[in-house]
Protein backbone atom coordinates (compact mmCIF):
# COMPACT_ATOMS: atom_id res chain seq x y z
CA MET A 1 -40.19 -48.06 -18.88
CA ARG A 2 -38.13 -50.27 -21.15
CA GLY A 3 -35.46 -51.20 -18.65
CA ASN A 4 -35.01 -47.78 -17.06
CA ARG A 5 -35.20 -48.65 -13.38
CA LYS A 6 -34.82 -45.04 -12.26
CA ALA A 7 -37.81 -43.79 -14.26
CA PHE A 8 -40.01 -43.79 -11.18
CA SER A 9 -37.45 -43.54 -8.40
CA VAL A 10 -38.45 -42.21 -5.00
CA VAL A 11 -37.39 -38.62 -4.33
CA ARG A 12 -37.14 -37.16 -0.83
CA VAL A 13 -38.65 -33.69 -0.54
CA PRO A 14 -36.52 -31.42 1.68
CA SER A 15 -38.13 -29.85 4.73
CA GLU A 16 -38.79 -26.12 4.85
CA GLU A 17 -35.81 -25.66 7.18
CA GLU A 18 -33.50 -27.57 4.80
CA GLU A 19 -34.79 -25.56 1.87
CA ARG A 20 -34.22 -22.31 3.79
CA GLU A 21 -30.62 -23.33 4.58
CA ARG A 22 -29.99 -24.22 0.95
CA ALA A 23 -31.43 -20.86 -0.16
CA ILE A 24 -29.07 -18.99 2.18
CA SER A 25 -26.13 -20.96 0.80
CA ARG A 26 -27.16 -20.24 -2.79
CA GLN A 27 -27.63 -16.52 -2.07
CA ARG A 28 -24.21 -16.31 -0.45
CA GLY A 29 -22.66 -17.98 -3.49
CA GLN A 30 -24.37 -15.49 -5.79
CA LEU A 31 -23.11 -12.56 -3.72
CA VAL A 32 -19.56 -13.89 -3.70
CA ARG A 33 -19.60 -14.31 -7.49
CA GLU A 34 -21.04 -10.80 -7.93
CA ARG A 35 -18.33 -9.31 -5.70
CA GLN A 36 -15.65 -11.14 -7.71
CA ARG A 37 -17.16 -9.85 -10.95
CA LEU A 38 -17.16 -6.27 -9.65
CA GLN A 39 -13.58 -6.63 -8.37
CA ALA A 40 -12.45 -7.71 -11.81
CA MET A 41 -14.37 -4.90 -13.47
CA GLY A 42 -12.82 -2.33 -11.14
CA ARG A 43 -9.30 -3.71 -11.72
CA SER A 44 -9.90 -3.58 -15.45
CA LEU A 45 -11.09 0.04 -15.37
CA LEU A 46 -8.11 1.06 -13.24
CA ALA A 47 -5.71 -0.78 -15.56
CA MET A 48 -7.14 1.14 -18.52
CA HIS A 49 -5.96 4.30 -16.75
CA GLY A 50 -2.52 2.89 -15.98
CA ILE A 51 -3.21 2.03 -12.34
CA HIS A 52 -2.34 -1.57 -11.50
CA VAL A 53 -3.79 -2.89 -8.25
CA THR A 54 -3.86 -6.22 -6.44
CA GLY A 55 -5.73 -7.61 -3.50
CA LYS A 56 -8.55 -5.68 -1.89
CA TRP A 57 -8.05 -2.47 -3.84
CA TRP A 58 -11.38 -1.02 -2.74
CA THR A 59 -10.37 -0.64 0.95
CA GLY A 60 -9.93 2.72 2.69
CA LYS A 61 -6.19 3.13 2.12
CA ALA A 62 -6.53 2.57 -1.60
CA TRP A 63 -9.25 5.22 -1.89
CA ASP A 64 -6.91 7.81 -0.39
CA TYR A 65 -4.47 7.00 -3.19
CA PHE A 66 -7.19 7.24 -5.83
CA ILE A 67 -8.27 10.66 -4.52
CA GLU A 68 -4.65 11.88 -4.79
CA ILE A 69 -4.46 10.67 -8.38
CA LYS A 70 -7.79 12.30 -9.20
CA GLU A 71 -6.53 15.61 -7.83
CA LEU A 72 -3.32 15.28 -9.89
CA TRP A 73 -5.32 14.54 -13.04
CA GLY A 74 -7.52 17.54 -12.33
CA ASN A 75 -4.45 19.78 -12.14
CA LEU A 76 -3.13 18.45 -15.47
CA LYS A 77 -6.18 19.62 -17.42
């Protein structure tokens, strides 16, 4: 292979259990990234309406505030 000593290197195939553990880790990472993406999207949409939030804005207390605002906006129309 013209000096490439790693051309035919030995590769260890992971066991089914190792592969299962890796799959769980990858899925968790995907879910975390998706949650972060949705958090950012929600913050952006709220900011467009003049509502600036931080932290876990989607928790129960925050929704009570959003419902109040919605009712106020409904009365303004």
